[in-house]
N, C-alpha and C. Protein backbone atom coordinates (compact mmCIF):
# COMPACT_ATOMS: atom_id res chain seq x y z
N MET A 1 -14.02 14.92 -6.97
CA MET A 1 -13.38 16.15 -7.41
C MET A 1 -14.39 17.27 -7.44
N SER A 2 -13.99 18.39 -7.08
CA SER A 2 -14.92 19.52 -7.16
C SER A 2 -14.77 20.19 -8.52
N ALA A 3 -15.75 20.97 -8.87
CA ALA A 3 -15.73 21.65 -10.16
C ALA A 3 -14.54 22.59 -10.27
N LYS A 4 -14.03 23.07 -9.17
CA LYS A 4 -12.93 24.04 -9.22
C LYS A 4 -11.56 23.38 -9.33
N LYS A 5 -11.47 22.07 -9.05
CA LYS A 5 -10.18 21.40 -9.03
C LYS A 5 -9.81 20.74 -10.33
N LYS A 6 -10.77 20.44 -11.17
CA LYS A 6 -10.49 19.75 -12.43
C LYS A 6 -11.07 20.54 -13.58
N SER A 7 -10.30 20.68 -14.64
CA SER A 7 -10.82 21.38 -15.80
C SER A 7 -11.82 20.49 -16.52
N ALA A 8 -12.84 21.09 -17.08
CA ALA A 8 -13.89 20.34 -17.75
C ALA A 8 -13.38 19.74 -19.05
N SER A 9 -13.86 18.53 -19.36
CA SER A 9 -13.45 17.88 -20.59
C SER A 9 -14.64 17.48 -21.46
N THR A 10 -15.85 17.69 -20.99
CA THR A 10 -17.04 17.39 -21.77
C THR A 10 -18.01 18.56 -21.64
N PRO A 11 -18.96 18.69 -22.57
CA PRO A 11 -19.95 19.76 -22.45
C PRO A 11 -20.73 19.70 -21.12
N ALA A 12 -21.01 18.50 -20.63
CA ALA A 12 -21.74 18.39 -19.36
C ALA A 12 -20.92 18.93 -18.21
N LEU A 13 -19.63 18.62 -18.18
CA LEU A 13 -18.77 19.13 -17.11
C LEU A 13 -18.58 20.63 -17.23
N VAL A 14 -18.49 21.14 -18.44
CA VAL A 14 -18.40 22.60 -18.64
C VAL A 14 -19.65 23.26 -18.08
N ALA A 15 -20.83 22.70 -18.37
CA ALA A 15 -22.08 23.28 -17.87
C ALA A 15 -22.12 23.26 -16.35
N LEU A 16 -21.67 22.18 -15.75
CA LEU A 16 -21.63 22.10 -14.29
C LEU A 16 -20.71 23.16 -13.71
N GLN A 17 -19.52 23.29 -14.31
CA GLN A 17 -18.56 24.28 -13.82
C GLN A 17 -19.12 25.69 -13.96
N GLU A 18 -19.67 26.01 -15.12
CA GLU A 18 -20.17 27.35 -15.36
C GLU A 18 -21.34 27.71 -14.45
N SER A 19 -22.12 26.71 -14.05
CA SER A 19 -23.27 26.96 -13.18
C SER A 19 -22.87 26.99 -11.71
N GLY A 20 -21.63 26.55 -11.42
CA GLY A 20 -21.19 26.49 -10.03
C GLY A 20 -21.76 25.31 -9.27
N THR A 21 -22.32 24.37 -9.99
CA THR A 21 -22.91 23.19 -9.36
C THR A 21 -21.81 22.26 -8.87
N PRO A 22 -21.85 21.87 -7.60
CA PRO A 22 -20.84 20.91 -7.12
C PRO A 22 -21.04 19.55 -7.79
N TYR A 23 -19.97 18.87 -8.10
CA TYR A 23 -20.05 17.53 -8.68
C TYR A 23 -18.78 16.77 -8.36
N ALA A 24 -18.85 15.48 -8.58
CA ALA A 24 -17.68 14.62 -8.43
C ALA A 24 -17.60 13.75 -9.68
N ALA A 25 -16.45 13.72 -10.31
CA ALA A 25 -16.24 12.87 -11.48
C ALA A 25 -15.64 11.55 -11.00
N HIS A 26 -16.23 10.46 -11.44
CA HIS A 26 -15.76 9.13 -11.05
C HIS A 26 -15.20 8.44 -12.29
N GLU A 27 -13.93 8.15 -12.28
CA GLU A 27 -13.28 7.55 -13.45
C GLU A 27 -13.01 6.06 -13.20
N TYR A 28 -12.98 5.30 -14.29
CA TYR A 28 -12.67 3.87 -14.22
C TYR A 28 -12.12 3.46 -15.58
N GLY A 29 -11.46 2.32 -15.62
CA GLY A 29 -10.92 1.80 -16.88
C GLY A 29 -12.01 1.11 -17.68
N HIS A 30 -12.12 1.45 -18.95
CA HIS A 30 -13.14 0.87 -19.83
C HIS A 30 -12.54 -0.26 -20.64
N ASP A 31 -13.24 -1.38 -20.69
CA ASP A 31 -12.86 -2.52 -21.51
C ASP A 31 -13.43 -2.28 -22.91
N PRO A 32 -12.56 -2.12 -23.93
CA PRO A 32 -13.06 -1.81 -25.28
C PRO A 32 -13.96 -2.90 -25.88
N ASP A 33 -13.94 -4.10 -25.32
CA ASP A 33 -14.80 -5.17 -25.82
C ASP A 33 -16.18 -5.17 -25.15
N GLU A 34 -16.34 -4.36 -24.12
CA GLU A 34 -17.60 -4.30 -23.38
C GLU A 34 -18.59 -3.40 -24.12
N THR A 35 -19.83 -3.87 -24.25
CA THR A 35 -20.86 -3.07 -24.92
C THR A 35 -21.95 -2.61 -23.96
N ALA A 36 -22.01 -3.18 -22.77
CA ALA A 36 -22.98 -2.75 -21.76
C ALA A 36 -22.31 -1.69 -20.90
N PHE A 37 -22.15 -0.49 -21.48
CA PHE A 37 -21.35 0.57 -20.86
C PHE A 37 -21.81 0.91 -19.44
N GLY A 38 -23.10 1.07 -19.25
CA GLY A 38 -23.62 1.46 -17.94
C GLY A 38 -23.41 0.39 -16.89
N LEU A 39 -23.67 -0.87 -17.26
CA LEU A 39 -23.45 -1.96 -16.30
C LEU A 39 -21.98 -2.08 -15.97
N GLU A 40 -21.11 -1.85 -16.95
CA GLU A 40 -19.67 -1.88 -16.72
C GLU A 40 -19.29 -0.78 -15.72
N ALA A 41 -19.83 0.41 -15.91
CA ALA A 41 -19.52 1.52 -15.01
C ALA A 41 -20.01 1.23 -13.60
N ALA A 42 -21.24 0.73 -13.48
CA ALA A 42 -21.78 0.41 -12.15
C ALA A 42 -20.91 -0.61 -11.44
N ALA A 43 -20.50 -1.64 -12.15
CA ALA A 43 -19.66 -2.68 -11.54
C ALA A 43 -18.30 -2.11 -11.15
N ALA A 44 -17.67 -1.36 -12.04
CA ALA A 44 -16.34 -0.82 -11.77
C ALA A 44 -16.35 0.15 -10.59
N LEU A 45 -17.44 0.89 -10.45
CA LEU A 45 -17.54 1.88 -9.37
C LEU A 45 -18.25 1.32 -8.13
N GLN A 46 -18.59 0.04 -8.19
CA GLN A 46 -19.26 -0.66 -7.09
C GLN A 46 -20.54 0.06 -6.67
N LEU A 47 -21.36 0.36 -7.69
CA LEU A 47 -22.64 1.03 -7.45
C LEU A 47 -23.79 0.12 -7.85
N ASP A 48 -24.92 0.31 -7.21
CA ASP A 48 -26.13 -0.43 -7.54
C ASP A 48 -26.59 0.01 -8.94
N PRO A 49 -26.73 -0.94 -9.88
CA PRO A 49 -27.15 -0.57 -11.25
C PRO A 49 -28.50 0.16 -11.31
N GLU A 50 -29.32 0.05 -10.27
CA GLU A 50 -30.58 0.79 -10.23
C GLU A 50 -30.35 2.27 -9.98
N ARG A 51 -29.14 2.63 -9.51
CA ARG A 51 -28.83 4.03 -9.19
C ARG A 51 -27.92 4.69 -10.22
N VAL A 52 -27.56 3.93 -11.27
CA VAL A 52 -26.73 4.44 -12.36
C VAL A 52 -27.62 4.51 -13.59
N PHE A 53 -27.60 5.65 -14.27
CA PHE A 53 -28.52 5.85 -15.38
C PHE A 53 -27.79 5.95 -16.72
N LYS A 54 -28.48 5.46 -17.75
CA LYS A 54 -27.98 5.61 -19.11
C LYS A 54 -28.86 6.61 -19.83
N THR A 55 -28.25 7.35 -20.72
CA THR A 55 -28.95 8.36 -21.51
C THR A 55 -29.09 7.82 -22.93
N LEU A 56 -30.31 7.66 -23.37
CA LEU A 56 -30.59 7.10 -24.68
C LEU A 56 -31.26 8.15 -25.57
N VAL A 57 -30.89 8.16 -26.83
CA VAL A 57 -31.46 9.11 -27.78
C VAL A 57 -32.35 8.34 -28.75
N ALA A 58 -33.59 8.78 -28.85
CA ALA A 58 -34.56 8.13 -29.73
C ALA A 58 -35.07 9.14 -30.75
N ASP A 59 -35.61 8.62 -31.83
CA ASP A 59 -36.23 9.41 -32.88
C ASP A 59 -37.74 9.21 -32.78
N VAL A 60 -38.44 10.30 -32.51
CA VAL A 60 -39.90 10.24 -32.44
C VAL A 60 -40.44 11.23 -33.46
N ASP A 61 -41.01 10.70 -34.51
CA ASP A 61 -41.58 11.54 -35.57
C ASP A 61 -40.57 12.55 -36.12
N GLY A 62 -39.32 12.11 -36.28
CA GLY A 62 -38.29 12.98 -36.85
C GLY A 62 -37.64 13.93 -35.85
N GLN A 63 -38.06 13.89 -34.61
CA GLN A 63 -37.47 14.71 -33.55
C GLN A 63 -36.67 13.82 -32.61
N LEU A 64 -35.51 14.28 -32.19
CA LEU A 64 -34.73 13.51 -31.23
C LEU A 64 -35.25 13.76 -29.83
N VAL A 65 -35.37 12.68 -29.07
CA VAL A 65 -35.87 12.71 -27.71
C VAL A 65 -34.87 11.97 -26.84
N VAL A 66 -34.59 12.50 -25.67
CA VAL A 66 -33.64 11.87 -24.75
C VAL A 66 -34.40 11.20 -23.62
N ALA A 67 -34.00 9.98 -23.28
CA ALA A 67 -34.58 9.25 -22.17
C ALA A 67 -33.47 8.80 -21.24
N CYS A 68 -33.72 8.87 -19.95
CA CYS A 68 -32.77 8.39 -18.95
C CYS A 68 -33.42 7.25 -18.19
N VAL A 69 -32.76 6.10 -18.16
CA VAL A 69 -33.28 4.93 -17.46
C VAL A 69 -32.14 4.26 -16.70
N PRO A 70 -32.46 3.55 -15.62
CA PRO A 70 -31.41 2.81 -14.92
C PRO A 70 -30.72 1.84 -15.87
N VAL A 71 -29.41 1.66 -15.69
CA VAL A 71 -28.66 0.79 -16.60
C VAL A 71 -29.10 -0.67 -16.50
N SER A 72 -29.80 -1.02 -15.43
CA SER A 72 -30.27 -2.39 -15.25
C SER A 72 -31.58 -2.66 -16.00
N ARG A 73 -32.12 -1.63 -16.63
CA ARG A 73 -33.41 -1.78 -17.31
C ARG A 73 -33.31 -1.43 -18.78
N GLN A 74 -34.39 -1.76 -19.51
CA GLN A 74 -34.47 -1.42 -20.93
C GLN A 74 -35.53 -0.34 -21.13
N LEU A 75 -35.30 0.50 -22.10
CA LEU A 75 -36.25 1.55 -22.44
C LEU A 75 -37.39 0.96 -23.25
N SER A 76 -38.61 1.27 -22.87
CA SER A 76 -39.77 0.90 -23.66
C SER A 76 -39.99 2.02 -24.67
N LEU A 77 -39.72 1.74 -25.93
CA LEU A 77 -39.91 2.75 -26.97
C LEU A 77 -41.39 3.12 -27.11
N LYS A 78 -42.27 2.15 -26.89
CA LYS A 78 -43.70 2.43 -26.96
C LYS A 78 -44.10 3.40 -25.85
N ALA A 79 -43.59 3.18 -24.64
CA ALA A 79 -43.90 4.09 -23.52
C ALA A 79 -43.29 5.47 -23.75
N LEU A 80 -42.09 5.51 -24.33
CA LEU A 80 -41.46 6.80 -24.63
C LEU A 80 -42.31 7.57 -25.64
N ALA A 81 -42.73 6.89 -26.69
CA ALA A 81 -43.57 7.55 -27.71
C ALA A 81 -44.84 8.09 -27.08
N ALA A 82 -45.48 7.29 -26.25
CA ALA A 82 -46.72 7.73 -25.59
C ALA A 82 -46.46 8.93 -24.69
N ALA A 83 -45.33 8.94 -24.02
CA ALA A 83 -45.00 10.05 -23.10
C ALA A 83 -44.85 11.38 -23.82
N VAL A 84 -44.48 11.32 -25.09
CA VAL A 84 -44.32 12.57 -25.86
C VAL A 84 -45.44 12.76 -26.89
N GLY A 85 -46.53 12.00 -26.72
CA GLY A 85 -47.70 12.19 -27.57
C GLY A 85 -47.60 11.61 -28.95
N SER A 86 -46.86 10.53 -29.10
CA SER A 86 -46.73 9.89 -30.40
C SER A 86 -47.08 8.41 -30.27
N LYS A 87 -47.09 7.72 -31.40
CA LYS A 87 -47.40 6.30 -31.38
C LYS A 87 -46.17 5.41 -31.55
N ARG A 88 -45.09 6.00 -32.09
CA ARG A 88 -43.93 5.16 -32.39
C ARG A 88 -42.62 5.91 -32.18
N ALA A 89 -41.67 5.20 -31.60
CA ALA A 89 -40.32 5.75 -31.42
C ALA A 89 -39.32 4.68 -31.84
N LEU A 90 -38.20 5.13 -32.35
CA LEU A 90 -37.10 4.24 -32.73
C LEU A 90 -35.83 4.79 -32.08
N MET A 91 -34.89 3.91 -31.81
CA MET A 91 -33.60 4.41 -31.34
C MET A 91 -33.01 5.24 -32.47
N ALA A 92 -32.43 6.36 -32.11
CA ALA A 92 -31.82 7.23 -33.12
C ALA A 92 -30.61 6.55 -33.72
N ASP A 93 -30.34 6.86 -34.97
CA ASP A 93 -29.13 6.37 -35.62
C ASP A 93 -27.93 6.84 -34.80
N ALA A 94 -26.97 5.94 -34.56
CA ALA A 94 -25.82 6.26 -33.71
C ALA A 94 -25.06 7.48 -34.21
N LYS A 95 -24.86 7.57 -35.52
CA LYS A 95 -24.12 8.72 -36.06
C LYS A 95 -24.87 10.03 -35.85
N VAL A 96 -26.18 9.98 -35.98
CA VAL A 96 -27.00 11.18 -35.76
C VAL A 96 -26.94 11.57 -34.28
N ALA A 97 -27.05 10.60 -33.40
CA ALA A 97 -26.99 10.88 -31.95
C ALA A 97 -25.64 11.48 -31.59
N GLU A 98 -24.56 10.93 -32.13
CA GLU A 98 -23.23 11.45 -31.83
C GLU A 98 -23.04 12.86 -32.37
N LYS A 99 -23.47 13.09 -33.59
CA LYS A 99 -23.31 14.42 -34.19
C LYS A 99 -24.14 15.46 -33.45
N THR A 100 -25.34 15.10 -33.06
CA THR A 100 -26.24 16.03 -32.40
C THR A 100 -25.80 16.35 -30.97
N THR A 101 -25.36 15.32 -30.24
CA THR A 101 -25.01 15.52 -28.82
C THR A 101 -23.56 15.94 -28.61
N GLY A 102 -22.69 15.59 -29.56
CA GLY A 102 -21.27 15.85 -29.38
C GLY A 102 -20.57 14.78 -28.57
N TYR A 103 -21.26 13.71 -28.27
CA TYR A 103 -20.69 12.60 -27.50
C TYR A 103 -20.72 11.32 -28.33
N VAL A 104 -19.86 10.38 -27.98
CA VAL A 104 -19.87 9.08 -28.65
C VAL A 104 -20.90 8.19 -27.95
N VAL A 105 -21.48 7.28 -28.71
CA VAL A 105 -22.43 6.32 -28.15
C VAL A 105 -21.72 5.58 -27.02
N GLY A 106 -22.42 5.44 -25.91
CA GLY A 106 -21.85 4.84 -24.71
C GLY A 106 -21.40 5.91 -23.72
N GLY A 107 -21.35 7.15 -24.19
CA GLY A 107 -20.93 8.24 -23.32
C GLY A 107 -21.81 9.46 -23.44
N ILE A 108 -22.99 9.30 -24.03
CA ILE A 108 -23.90 10.44 -24.19
C ILE A 108 -24.47 10.81 -22.83
N SER A 109 -24.37 12.08 -22.51
CA SER A 109 -24.92 12.53 -21.22
C SER A 109 -25.81 13.75 -21.42
C-alpha cells in the first residue's frame, strides 16, 4: 500500500505519510497466545527472520534507549549499555515503554 492509499493508524505511519516517504504496510493475523511477536510476523509474512527487526526499549541510567535487532537474535544489554557509555542496562518496564512510546509491547516501532 502506498502512503496515499491508506490512512495512517499509528504514529509511525503518520510520520511516513507526512514526510512523503513511500512505504508498504504488511498485515497478518496475530495469535493472541503467541509471545514471540517478531518471529510470528516473519513466519506469517514468509520473510527471513534476519531481515525482520524488533524494537526494544531499555532503561540505561534512568534514560530510555531504543535498540533494533533482528527478531532471530537477542539483545545484549551489556553491549547496549557500552554503546551508550554506561555499564548497565535493563529492559524498560512494559508500562513505562507503552506510555512513553504510545505503542503496546509487541508493537513498539
